[in-house]
Amino acid sequence: MNVPAPPVNVAAMPTVVAGTSDAGAQQRKLLLVAAIAGGGLALVLGIVLLVVLASR
């Protein structure tokens, strides 16, 4: 199963915004990391669920 990697320019975005507002950029970076981690976790759980259901 092909897992699409998040685009690099999205990950580099918070560093570009860092010049305007440090606190806002830090929060945005945390949100981005949380979103990527949550999406990855959901993807892994979905795949595990599919495998478990398929092997029954």
C-alpha atoms as a PDB file:
ATOM      1  CA  MET A   1       0.000   0.000   0.000  1.00  0.00           C
ATOM      2  CA  ASN A   2       1.452   3.357  -1.047  1.00  0.00           C
ATOM      3  CA  VAL A   3       1.549   5.957   1.743  1.00  0.00           C
ATOM      4  CA  PRO A   4       1.818   9.499   0.337  1.00  0.00           C
ATOM      5  CA  ALA A   5       4.466  11.576   2.113  1.00  0.00           C
ATOM      6  CA  PRO A   6       3.494  15.086   3.216  1.00  0.00           C
ATOM      7  CA  PRO A   7       4.806  17.755   0.815  1.00  0.00           C
ATOM      8  CA  VAL A   8       8.055  19.391   1.913  1.00  0.00           C
ATOM      9  CA  ASN A   9       6.860  22.968   1.299  1.00  0.00           C
ATOM     10  CA  VAL A  10       4.062  22.516   3.870  1.00  0.00           C
ATOM     11  CA  ALA A  11       6.611  21.525   6.512  1.00  0.00           C
ATOM     12  CA  ALA A  12       8.792  24.533   5.633  1.00  0.00           C
ATOM     13  CA  MET A  13       5.885  26.999   5.901  1.00  0.00           C
ATOM     14  CA  PRO A  14       6.090  27.708   9.690  1.00  0.00           C
ATOM     15  CA  THR A  15       9.766  28.707   9.356  1.00  0.00           C
ATOM     16  CA  VAL A  16       8.798  31.276   6.701  1.00  0.00           C
ATOM     17  CA  VAL A  17       6.100  32.802   8.957  1.00  0.00           C
ATOM     18  CA  ALA A  18       8.473  32.839  11.956  1.00  0.00           C
ATOM     19  CA  GLY A  19       9.669  36.358  11.064  1.00  0.00           C
ATOM     20  CA  THR A  20       6.251  37.946  11.646  1.00  0.00           C
ATOM     21  CA  SER A  21       5.160  36.391  14.952  1.00  0.00           C
ATOM     22  CA  ASP A  22       7.203  33.874  16.913  1.00  0.00           C
ATOM     23  CA  ALA A  23       4.419  32.662  19.211  1.00  0.00           C
ATOM     24  CA  GLY A  24       1.974  32.243  16.328  1.00  0.00           C
ATOM     25  CA  ALA A  25       4.529  30.364  14.236  1.00  0.00           C
ATOM     26  CA  GLN A  26       5.360  28.073  17.153  1.00  0.00           C
ATOM     27  CA  GLN A  27       1.673  27.261  17.627  1.00  0.00           C
ATOM     28  CA  ARG A  28       1.212  26.679  13.889  1.00  0.00           C
ATOM     29  CA  LYS A  29       4.224  24.338  13.818  1.00  0.00           C
ATOM     30  CA  LEU A  30       2.812  22.374  16.768  1.00  0.00           C
ATOM     31  CA  LEU A  31      -0.559  22.125  15.019  1.00  0.00           C
ATOM     32  CA  LEU A  32       1.126  20.918  11.839  1.00  0.00           C
ATOM     33  CA  VAL A  33       3.120  18.263  13.709  1.00  0.00           C
ATOM     34  CA  ALA A  34      -0.005  17.168  15.592  1.00  0.00           C
ATOM     35  CA  ALA A  35      -2.001  16.954  12.355  1.00  0.00           C
ATOM     36  CA  ILE A  36       0.686  14.882  10.601  1.00  0.00           C
ATOM     37  CA  ALA A  37       1.105  12.608  13.639  1.00  0.00           C
ATOM     38  CA  GLY A  38      -2.671  12.205  14.019  1.00  0.00           C
ATOM     39  CA  GLY A  39      -3.092  11.453  10.328  1.00  0.00           C
ATOM     40  CA  GLY A  40      -0.290   8.913  10.411  1.00  0.00           C
ATOM     41  CA  LEU A  41      -1.759   7.277  13.515  1.00  0.00           C
ATOM     42  CA  ALA A  42      -5.201   7.090  11.917  1.00  0.00           C
ATOM     43  CA  LEU A  43      -3.661   5.610   8.766  1.00  0.00           C
ATOM     44  CA  VAL A  44      -1.773   2.927  10.731  1.00  0.00           C
ATOM     45  CA  LEU A  45      -4.877   2.071  12.780  1.00  0.00           C
ATOM     46  CA  GLY A  46      -6.936   1.831   9.599  1.00  0.00           C
ATOM     47  CA  ILE A  47      -4.429  -0.513   7.969  1.00  0.00           C
ATOM     48  CA  VAL A  48      -4.252  -2.691  11.108  1.00  0.00           C
ATOM     49  CA  LEU A  49      -8.052  -2.848  11.218  1.00  0.00           C
ATOM     50  CA  LEU A  50      -8.173  -3.849   7.539  1.00  0.00           C
ATOM     51  CA  VAL A  51      -5.588  -6.596   8.083  1.00  0.00           C
ATOM     52  CA  VAL A  52      -7.427  -7.933  11.140  1.00  0.00           C
ATOM     53  CA  LEU A  53     -10.774  -7.961   9.335  1.00  0.00           C
ATOM     54  CA  ALA A  54      -9.250  -9.516   6.191  1.00  0.00           C
ATOM     55  CA  SER A  55      -7.558 -12.330   8.123  1.00  0.00           C
ATOM     56  CA  ARG A  56     -10.812 -13.458   9.788  1.00  0.00           C
END
